[in-house]
Amino acid sequence: MSGVRTAMTVVALAALALCSCGGGNAIRVGLIVPLTGDVKTFGESTKNGAMMAFEDANAAGGINGRKIRVIVTDDKNDPTEAANAGGKLIDMDRVVAIVGSVSTKCSLPLADRCQMSNVPMITPTSTNPKVTVNEDGSHKSAIFRACFTDSFQGAVAARFAAESLRARTAAVMYDVGNDYSRGLADYFRRFFEQLGGRVVGFESYQRDDVDFSALLAKVRQQSPDLLFLPDYYTKVGLIAKQARGQGLTATLLGGDGWDSPAMLEIAGEAIAGAYFVNHYSPDEQRPEVQSWVNRYQAKYGQRPDALATLGYDAALLLVEALRSAEERAREGVGGASGGEGAQPTGELTREYVIQALGEIADHPCVSGTVTLDGFGNPIKRAAIIQYTAEGQRYVATVSP
């Protein structure tokens, strides 16, 4: 029996060592991203960026000497998988906060699960306004994001189309079953028409469609100045190739879902000359951007896309909130938003983190200085990017 007890003691001490550091246990944080599935490059980039921020924080001493332990989960870009992953992280791993997910369709059920349990969640990249807002228009008090919303990028895209591209007519093609695609299509149409433009085609397709010849033929008959494609790079690449194959000459424009190294592999020269709204450009000359690009490239061998950058920024915001929450806990400051409020026990609680996230203002990030508004959304800028035969070209930055 003594040998068994000794072995059990060794195992227990080893397990404790995995989650403790310095003067206390590690702070457990969940990271939910699609590492497999149809947008796996999004998940890989987001994970890489977020992990760099957490590694930086730990290298600088962690949170008052406590290391951040990140538990990474693959949601496969599936809403059910995302909700289940959130449940495990909340109930079994007892994380203090969650970063994720990437796509809107996964972040919506994840946000509902986190809000129900009063667990702070910050999505790096899900742009649909519903992620942070209840049906009655109130803020989901535990939910935040590091990216701008679809309403903002829809307005930016419409303004760029009307004022910079001088487009007078536009057609829109979108995935009817994708909240991101459908929402961005609606916002673009609304703002483009407010600016005096005319939408001559508003065509929907299904997620698994691969032949767009019939829809493109309808679009071509209208001879629009512009074709707006609010979808992810995998689908946009196919549509672009088929559009050019049919002789459609309209300028192509889209949203942040276009940002992937795989776009040129899928679309080839068909995407050259097209524009999209993005969260940042690695070609911006701000010192924060160039330092980030150089560090990321040295570590991963490629320049960071917007997904990596937003993953990094989301983790930066959470690290800042953890530091503030830890100070509140040590000082015994209560009164967190959401739930019944934090108690002055000295423990870093989820409630403290929620309150700290809600108070972030003028925090420097790679994609710009971030202030979170009353709905958990950042007040920040957008970049216009153009695809060329060689890659991406920074065009302009648009402030709100």
Protein backbone atom coordinates (compact mmCIF):
# COMPACT_ATOMS: atom_id res chain seq x y z
CA MET A 1 0.00 0.00 0.00
CA SER A 2 2.79 2.43 0.79
CA GLY A 3 4.15 2.01 -2.77
CA VAL A 4 0.70 2.76 -4.18
CA ARG A 5 0.37 5.84 -1.96
CA THR A 6 3.81 7.03 -3.03
CA ALA A 7 2.94 6.63 -6.69
CA MET A 8 -0.35 8.45 -6.16
CA THR A 9 1.47 11.28 -4.39
CA VAL A 10 3.93 11.63 -7.26
CA VAL A 11 1.08 11.77 -9.78
CA ALA A 12 -0.79 14.36 -7.70
CA LEU A 13 2.28 16.54 -7.35
CA ALA A 14 2.95 16.31 -11.09
CA ALA A 15 -0.62 17.32 -11.86
CA LEU A 16 -0.32 20.25 -9.45
CA ALA A 17 2.91 21.35 -11.09
CA LEU A 18 1.17 21.53 -14.46
CA CYS A 19 -1.25 24.18 -13.27
CA SER A 20 0.72 26.13 -10.69
CA CYS A 21 3.51 28.61 -10.86
CA GLY A 22 5.26 30.86 -8.41
CA GLY A 23 2.99 31.79 -5.56
CA GLY A 24 -0.24 30.24 -6.80
CA ASN A 25 -2.10 28.13 -9.30
CA ALA A 26 -2.11 29.02 -12.97
CA ILE A 27 -4.97 31.06 -14.37
CA ARG A 28 -6.84 28.80 -16.77
CA VAL A 29 -8.11 30.34 -20.00
CA GLY A 30 -9.94 28.58 -22.84
CA LEU A 31 -9.17 29.11 -26.53
CA ILE A 32 -11.76 27.79 -29.01
CA VAL A 33 -10.83 27.90 -32.72
CA PRO A 34 -11.44 25.79 -35.86
CA LEU A 35 -8.24 23.80 -36.34
CA THR A 36 -9.95 21.41 -38.77
CA GLY A 37 -12.82 21.91 -41.19
CA ASP A 38 -13.54 24.36 -43.98
CA VAL A 39 -11.84 27.43 -42.46
CA LYS A 40 -8.94 25.80 -40.66
CA THR A 41 -6.47 28.47 -41.82
CA PHE A 42 -8.58 30.97 -39.85
CA GLY A 43 -8.25 28.86 -36.73
CA GLU A 44 -4.53 28.24 -37.13
CA SER A 45 -3.82 31.94 -37.55
CA THR A 46 -6.04 32.94 -34.62
CA LYS A 47 -4.43 30.36 -32.37
CA ASN A 48 -0.92 31.44 -33.36
CA GLY A 49 -1.64 35.08 -32.61
CA ALA A 50 -3.41 34.45 -29.32
CA MET A 51 -0.70 32.11 -28.07
CA MET A 52 1.99 34.71 -28.79
CA ALA A 53 0.20 37.23 -26.57
CA PHE A 54 -0.23 34.72 -23.75
CA GLU A 55 3.39 33.61 -24.08
CA ASP A 56 4.51 37.24 -23.92
CA ALA A 57 2.48 37.75 -20.75
CA ASN A 58 3.92 34.64 -19.10
CA ALA A 59 7.46 35.63 -20.08
CA ALA A 60 6.89 38.98 -18.38
CA GLY A 61 5.91 37.29 -15.13
CA GLY A 62 2.31 36.36 -15.80
CA ILE A 63 -0.47 37.89 -13.74
CA ASN A 64 1.17 38.93 -10.48
CA GLY A 65 3.43 35.89 -10.67
CA ARG A 66 0.73 33.48 -11.82
CA LYS A 67 1.14 31.93 -15.24
CA ILE A 68 -1.69 31.77 -17.77
CA ARG A 69 -2.49 28.21 -18.80
CA VAL A 70 -4.28 28.06 -22.15
CA ILE A 71 -6.56 25.10 -22.92
CA VAL A 72 -6.99 24.91 -26.70
CA THR A 73 -10.07 23.27 -28.25
CA ASP A 74 -10.95 22.63 -31.90
CA ASP A 75 -14.59 23.45 -32.74
CA LYS A 76 -14.20 22.31 -36.39
CA ASN A 77 -16.22 25.39 -37.42
CA ASP A 78 -19.32 23.56 -36.18
CA PRO A 79 -21.82 25.37 -33.88
CA THR A 80 -22.61 22.27 -31.82
CA GLU A 81 -18.93 21.52 -31.34
CA ALA A 82 -18.36 25.12 -30.23
CA ALA A 83 -21.16 25.01 -27.64
CA ASN A 84 -19.96 21.65 -26.33
CA ALA A 85 -16.38 22.89 -26.13
CA GLY A 86 -17.54 25.90 -24.16
CA GLY A 87 -19.47 23.69 -21.76
CA LYS A 88 -16.42 21.52 -21.10
CA LEU A 89 -14.14 24.49 -20.54
CA ILE A 90 -16.65 26.10 -18.18
CA ASP A 91 -17.82 23.08 -16.15
CA MET A 92 -14.84 20.71 -16.21
CA ASP A 93 -11.75 22.84 -16.82
CA ARG A 94 -13.12 25.73 -14.75
CA VAL A 95 -11.57 28.40 -16.97
CA VAL A 96 -11.83 32.01 -15.85
CA ALA A 97 -12.46 33.26 -19.41
CA ILE A 98 -12.72 32.07 -23.02
CA VAL A 99 -11.20 33.49 -26.20
CA GLY A 100 -13.23 32.37 -29.22
CA SER A 101 -14.63 31.42 -31.48
CA VAL A 102 -13.72 32.52 -35.00
CA SER A 103 -16.85 32.30 -37.16
CA THR A 104 -20.14 33.93 -36.21
CA LYS A 105 -22.12 30.69 -36.45
CA CYS A 106 -19.90 29.17 -33.75
CA SER A 107 -19.59 32.26 -31.57
CA LEU A 108 -23.38 32.72 -31.33
CA PRO A 109 -24.09 29.46 -29.42
CA LEU A 110 -20.82 29.80 -27.52
CA ALA A 111 -21.83 33.29 -26.38
CA ASP A 112 -25.19 31.99 -25.18
CA ARG A 113 -23.43 29.25 -23.18
CA CYS A 114 -20.95 31.70 -21.65
CA GLN A 115 -23.63 34.28 -20.85
CA MET A 116 -25.77 31.65 -19.14
CA SER A 117 -22.83 30.75 -16.88
CA ASN A 118 -21.59 34.35 -16.49
CA VAL A 119 -18.22 33.43 -18.01
CA PRO A 120 -16.37 36.22 -19.85
CA MET A 121 -15.86 35.54 -23.54
CA ILE A 122 -14.04 37.63 -26.11
CA THR A 123 -14.26 36.65 -29.75
CA PRO A 124 -11.32 37.78 -31.87
CA THR A 125 -13.09 37.75 -35.23
CA SER A 126 -16.88 37.19 -35.14
CA THR A 127 -18.36 40.35 -36.59
CA ASN A 128 -22.12 39.76 -36.44
CA PRO A 129 -23.71 42.23 -33.97
CA LYS A 130 -25.89 39.46 -32.47
CA VAL A 131 -22.84 37.87 -30.83
CA THR A 132 -22.74 40.54 -28.11
CA VAL A 133 -26.37 41.74 -28.19
CA ASN A 134 -29.55 40.14 -26.83
CA GLU A 135 -32.78 40.01 -28.82
CA ASP A 136 -34.12 42.96 -26.82
CA GLY A 137 -31.12 45.07 -27.86
CA SER A 138 -29.30 44.90 -24.52
CA HIS A 139 -25.67 43.91 -24.13
CA LYS A 140 -24.82 40.31 -23.25
CA SER A 141 -22.89 41.46 -20.22
CA ALA A 142 -20.21 38.73 -20.33
CA ILE A 143 -19.52 38.85 -24.08
CA PHE A 144 -16.99 41.06 -25.87
CA ARG A 145 -15.10 41.18 -29.18
CA ALA A 146 -11.78 42.44 -30.57
CA CYS A 147 -13.05 43.03 -34.12
CA PHE A 148 -15.39 45.61 -35.62
CA THR A 149 -18.97 44.57 -36.43
CA ASP A 150 -20.63 43.76 -39.74
CA SER A 151 -22.67 46.94 -39.57
CA PHE A 152 -19.41 48.92 -39.51
CA GLN A 153 -17.64 47.01 -42.25
CA GLY A 154 -20.82 46.98 -44.35
CA ALA A 155 -20.88 50.78 -44.15
CA VAL A 156 -17.16 51.01 -44.95
CA ALA A 157 -17.55 48.71 -47.97
CA ALA A 158 -20.54 50.66 -49.27
CA ARG A 159 -18.77 54.00 -48.87
CA PHE A 160 -15.64 52.70 -50.60
CA ALA A 161 -17.74 51.30 -53.44
CA ALA A 162 -19.68 54.52 -53.95
CA GLU A 163 -17.00 57.13 -53.31
CA SER A 164 -13.69 55.52 -54.27
CA LEU A 165 -14.76 52.99 -56.91
CA ARG A 166 -17.53 55.28 -58.24
CA ALA A 167 -19.89 52.31 -58.45
CA ARG A 168 -23.50 53.21 -59.21
CA THR A 169 -24.90 49.67 -59.41
CA ALA A 170 -24.03 46.54 -57.47
CA ALA A 171 -25.05 42.91 -57.28
CA VAL A 172 -24.72 40.82 -54.11
CA MET A 173 -24.25 37.05 -53.76
CA TYR A 174 -24.36 35.51 -50.27
CA ASP A 175 -24.71 32.25 -48.33
CA VAL A 176 -28.29 32.23 -47.01
CA GLY A 177 -27.40 29.81 -44.21
CA ASN A 178 -24.40 31.75 -42.89
CA ASP A 179 -25.18 34.49 -40.34
CA TYR A 180 -21.98 36.34 -41.21
CA SER A 181 -22.57 36.26 -44.96
CA ARG A 182 -26.26 37.10 -44.78
CA GLY A 183 -25.79 39.88 -42.25
CA LEU A 184 -22.96 41.57 -44.12
CA ALA A 185 -24.96 41.35 -47.37
CA ASP A 186 -27.90 43.12 -45.72
CA TYR A 187 -25.74 45.88 -44.23
CA PHE A 188 -23.94 46.53 -47.51
CA ARG A 189 -27.20 46.78 -49.43
CA ARG A 190 -28.71 49.14 -46.88
CA PHE A 191 -25.76 51.54 -46.79
CA PHE A 192 -25.07 51.39 -50.54
CA GLU A 193 -28.65 52.39 -51.28
CA GLN A 194 -28.49 55.18 -48.68
CA LEU A 195 -25.51 56.56 -50.62
CA GLY A 196 -27.54 56.62 -53.83
CA GLY A 197 -26.39 53.30 -55.27
CA ARG A 198 -28.73 50.72 -56.77
CA VAL A 199 -28.59 46.99 -55.96
CA VAL A 200 -29.60 45.24 -59.18
CA GLY A 201 -29.27 41.68 -57.90
CA PHE A 202 -29.45 40.10 -54.45
CA GLU A 203 -28.80 36.39 -54.97
CA SER A 204 -28.45 33.66 -52.35
CA TYR A 205 -26.86 30.22 -52.45
CA GLN A 206 -26.43 27.26 -50.08
CA ARG A 207 -23.37 26.37 -48.06
CA ASP A 208 -22.49 23.28 -50.09
CA ASP A 209 -23.03 24.84 -53.53
CA VAL A 210 -20.03 24.71 -55.85
CA ASP A 211 -21.62 25.59 -59.20
CA PHE A 212 -22.63 29.25 -59.38
CA SER A 213 -23.09 29.50 -63.14
CA ALA A 214 -26.86 30.11 -63.01
CA LEU A 215 -26.59 32.87 -60.42
CA LEU A 216 -23.67 34.49 -62.20
CA ALA A 217 -25.60 34.44 -65.46
CA LYS A 218 -28.40 36.40 -63.76
CA VAL A 219 -25.87 38.85 -62.37
CA ARG A 220 -24.14 39.28 -65.72
CA GLN A 221 -27.45 40.19 -67.39
CA GLN A 222 -27.69 43.21 -65.05
CA SER A 223 -24.16 44.44 -65.92
CA PRO A 224 -23.42 45.76 -62.41
CA ASP A 225 -20.42 47.98 -61.73
CA LEU A 226 -19.60 45.88 -58.70
CA LEU A 227 -20.20 42.39 -57.30
CA PHE A 228 -20.21 42.20 -53.50
CA LEU A 229 -19.26 38.77 -52.10
CA PRO A 230 -19.61 38.63 -48.30
CA ASP A 231 -18.31 35.13 -47.62
CA TYR A 232 -15.16 33.23 -46.61
CA TYR A 233 -12.16 32.77 -48.88
CA THR A 234 -13.00 29.16 -49.79
CA LYS A 235 -16.33 30.12 -51.38
CA VAL A 236 -15.24 33.51 -52.73
CA GLY A 237 -12.33 31.93 -54.59
CA LEU A 238 -14.67 29.56 -56.44
CA ILE A 239 -17.16 32.31 -57.29
CA ALA A 240 -14.41 34.63 -58.54
CA LYS A 241 -13.00 31.99 -60.91
CA GLN A 242 -16.44 31.18 -62.30
CA ALA A 243 -17.37 34.87 -62.60
CA ARG A 244 -14.30 35.67 -64.66
CA GLY A 245 -14.81 32.50 -66.66
CA GLN A 246 -18.23 33.79 -67.68
CA GLY A 247 -16.78 37.12 -68.73
CA LEU A 248 -18.16 39.12 -65.79
CA THR A 249 -16.03 42.25 -65.56
CA ALA A 250 -17.58 43.86 -62.45
CA THR A 251 -15.17 44.89 -59.69
CA LEU A 252 -15.21 42.34 -56.86
CA LEU A 253 -15.55 43.57 -53.27
CA GLY A 254 -15.95 41.74 -49.97
CA GLY A 255 -15.38 41.62 -46.23
CA ASP A 256 -12.80 40.33 -43.78
CA GLY A 257 -13.62 36.69 -44.56
CA TRP A 258 -11.45 37.07 -47.67
CA ASP A 259 -8.22 37.31 -45.69
CA SER A 260 -6.33 34.04 -46.10
CA PRO A 261 -3.05 32.93 -47.72
CA ALA A 262 -5.16 30.27 -49.47
CA MET A 263 -7.22 32.83 -51.44
CA LEU A 264 -4.70 33.13 -54.28
CA GLU A 265 -4.28 29.35 -54.38
CA ILE A 266 -8.02 28.92 -54.90
CA ALA A 267 -8.86 31.92 -57.08
CA GLY A 268 -5.59 32.57 -58.89
CA GLU A 269 -5.59 35.58 -61.19
CA ALA A 270 -9.39 35.80 -60.99
CA ILE A 271 -9.13 37.62 -57.66
CA ALA A 272 -6.49 40.13 -58.84
CA GLY A 273 -7.85 43.67 -58.69
CA ALA A 274 -10.53 42.81 -56.12
CA TYR A 275 -10.89 44.72 -52.84
CA PHE A 276 -11.95 43.78 -49.32
CA VAL A 277 -12.46 45.40 -45.93
CA ASN A 278 -10.06 44.17 -43.27
CA HIS A 279 -9.03 44.84 -39.69
CA TYR A 280 -5.43 45.83 -40.42
CA SER A 281 -2.72 45.60 -43.04
CA PRO A 282 0.81 44.29 -42.42
CA ASP A 283 1.97 47.07 -44.75
CA GLU A 284 0.88 49.85 -42.38
CA GLN A 285 3.98 51.67 -41.15
CA ARG A 286 2.90 52.19 -37.54
CA PRO A 287 5.69 50.89 -35.25
CA GLU A 288 3.24 48.59 -33.45
CA VAL A 289 2.33 46.94 -36.74
CA GLN A 290 5.87 46.50 -38.03
CA SER A 291 7.14 45.12 -34.73
CA TRP A 292 4.30 42.60 -34.68
CA VAL A 293 4.81 41.57 -38.31
CA ASN A 294 8.53 41.00 -37.79
CA ARG A 295 8.05 38.94 -34.63
CA TYR A 296 5.29 36.80 -36.13
CA GLN A 297 7.22 36.20 -39.33
CA ALA A 298 10.30 35.18 -37.38
CA LYS A 299 8.25 32.65 -35.40
CA TYR A 300 5.93 31.22 -38.06
CA GLY A 301 7.68 31.96 -41.35
CA GLN A 302 4.91 34.09 -42.85
CA ARG A 303 3.35 37.50 -42.38
CA PRO A 304 0.39 37.60 -39.98
CA ASP A 305 -3.04 37.90 -41.55
CA ALA A 306 -5.90 39.71 -39.83
CA LEU A 307 -6.99 36.52 -38.05
CA ALA A 308 -3.61 36.16 -36.37
CA THR A 309 -3.58 39.85 -35.50
CA LEU A 310 -7.06 39.79 -34.00
CA GLY A 311 -6.21 36.64 -32.07
CA TYR A 312 -3.23 38.51 -30.64
CA ASP A 313 -5.30 41.62 -29.89
CA ALA A 314 -8.10 39.62 -28.23
CA ALA A 315 -5.56 37.92 -25.99
CA LEU A 316 -3.93 41.29 -25.23
CA LEU A 317 -7.29 42.68 -24.11
CA LEU A 318 -7.94 39.63 -21.94
CA VAL A 319 -4.46 39.83 -20.37
CA GLU A 320 -5.10 43.47 -19.52
CA ALA A 321 -8.45 42.52 -17.98
CA LEU A 322 -6.86 39.68 -15.99
CA ARG A 323 -4.27 42.08 -14.55
CA SER A 324 -6.95 44.58 -13.59
CA ALA A 325 -9.19 41.84 -12.19
CA GLU A 326 -6.35 40.41 -10.13
CA GLU A 327 -5.67 43.83 -8.62
CA ARG A 328 -9.36 44.22 -7.78
CA ALA A 329 -9.37 40.80 -6.17
CA ARG A 330 -6.33 41.59 -4.00
CA GLU A 331 -7.84 44.91 -2.97
CA GLY A 332 -11.26 43.38 -2.34
CA VAL A 333 -13.09 45.65 -4.78
CA GLY A 334 -16.54 44.23 -5.59
CA GLY A 335 -19.35 45.28 -7.87
CA ALA A 336 -18.80 43.35 -11.09
CA SER A 337 -21.24 43.71 -13.95
CA GLY A 338 -23.55 40.80 -14.56
CA GLY A 339 -24.58 38.23 -11.97
CA GLU A 340 -24.67 39.08 -8.31
CA GLY A 341 -21.35 40.94 -8.20
CA ALA A 342 -17.90 39.93 -7.06
CA GLN A 343 -17.23 39.37 -3.38
CA PRO A 344 -14.05 40.78 -1.79
CA THR A 345 -12.50 37.35 -1.09
CA GLY A 346 -9.13 37.95 -2.78
CA GLU A 347 -9.95 35.36 -5.46
CA LEU A 348 -9.70 36.27 -9.15
CA THR A 349 -13.24 35.50 -10.25
CA ARG A 350 -15.03 35.52 -13.59
CA GLU A 351 -17.08 38.48 -12.36
CA TYR A 352 -13.98 40.55 -11.78
CA VAL A 353 -12.79 39.77 -15.32
CA ILE A 354 -16.14 40.77 -16.82
CA GLN A 355 -16.02 44.11 -15.06
CA ALA A 356 -12.41 44.71 -16.12
CA LEU A 357 -13.16 43.94 -19.78
CA GLY A 358 -16.10 46.33 -19.75
CA GLU A 359 -13.84 49.16 -18.57
CA ILE A 360 -11.07 48.80 -21.18
CA ALA A 361 -10.36 52.16 -22.80
CA ASP A 362 -7.60 53.47 -25.08
CA HIS A 363 -5.69 50.19 -24.91
CA PRO A 364 -2.92 49.89 -27.54
CA CYS A 365 -3.33 46.91 -29.88
CA VAL A 366 -1.86 46.04 -33.26
CA SER A 367 -5.10 46.80 -35.12
CA GLY A 368 -5.35 50.16 -33.36
CA THR A 369 -6.11 51.70 -30.01
CA VAL A 370 -9.17 49.95 -28.56
CA THR A 371 -11.97 51.21 -26.37
CA LEU A 372 -14.82 48.77 -25.70
CA ASP A 373 -18.22 50.41 -25.89
CA GLY A 374 -21.36 49.63 -23.92
CA PHE A 375 -22.08 46.60 -26.10
CA GLY A 376 -18.66 45.01 -25.76
CA ASN A 377 -17.59 46.17 -29.23
CA PRO A 378 -14.33 47.98 -29.99
CA ILE A 379 -14.25 51.49 -31.38
CA LYS A 380 -11.50 51.17 -33.98
CA ARG A 381 -10.50 51.55 -37.64
CA ALA A 382 -10.77 49.46 -40.81
CA ALA A 383 -8.33 48.89 -43.67
CA ILE A 384 -9.06 48.53 -47.38
CA ILE A 385 -6.94 45.84 -49.06
CA GLN A 386 -6.58 44.94 -52.72
CA TYR A 387 -5.54 41.56 -54.07
CA THR A 388 -2.87 41.59 -56.76
CA ALA A 389 -1.30 38.70 -58.68
CA GLU A 390 1.48 38.64 -56.06
CA GLY A 391 -0.60 39.00 -52.91
CA GLN A 392 -2.24 41.83 -50.98
CA ARG A 393 -1.76 45.58 -51.31
CA TYR A 394 -2.71 48.09 -48.60
CA VAL A 395 -4.98 50.81 -50.04
CA ALA A 396 -6.29 52.97 -47.19
CA THR A 397 -7.39 53.13 -43.55
CA VAL A 398 -10.90 54.25 -42.64
CA SER A 399 -11.75 55.62 -39.20
CA PRO A 400 -15.28 55.42 -37.74
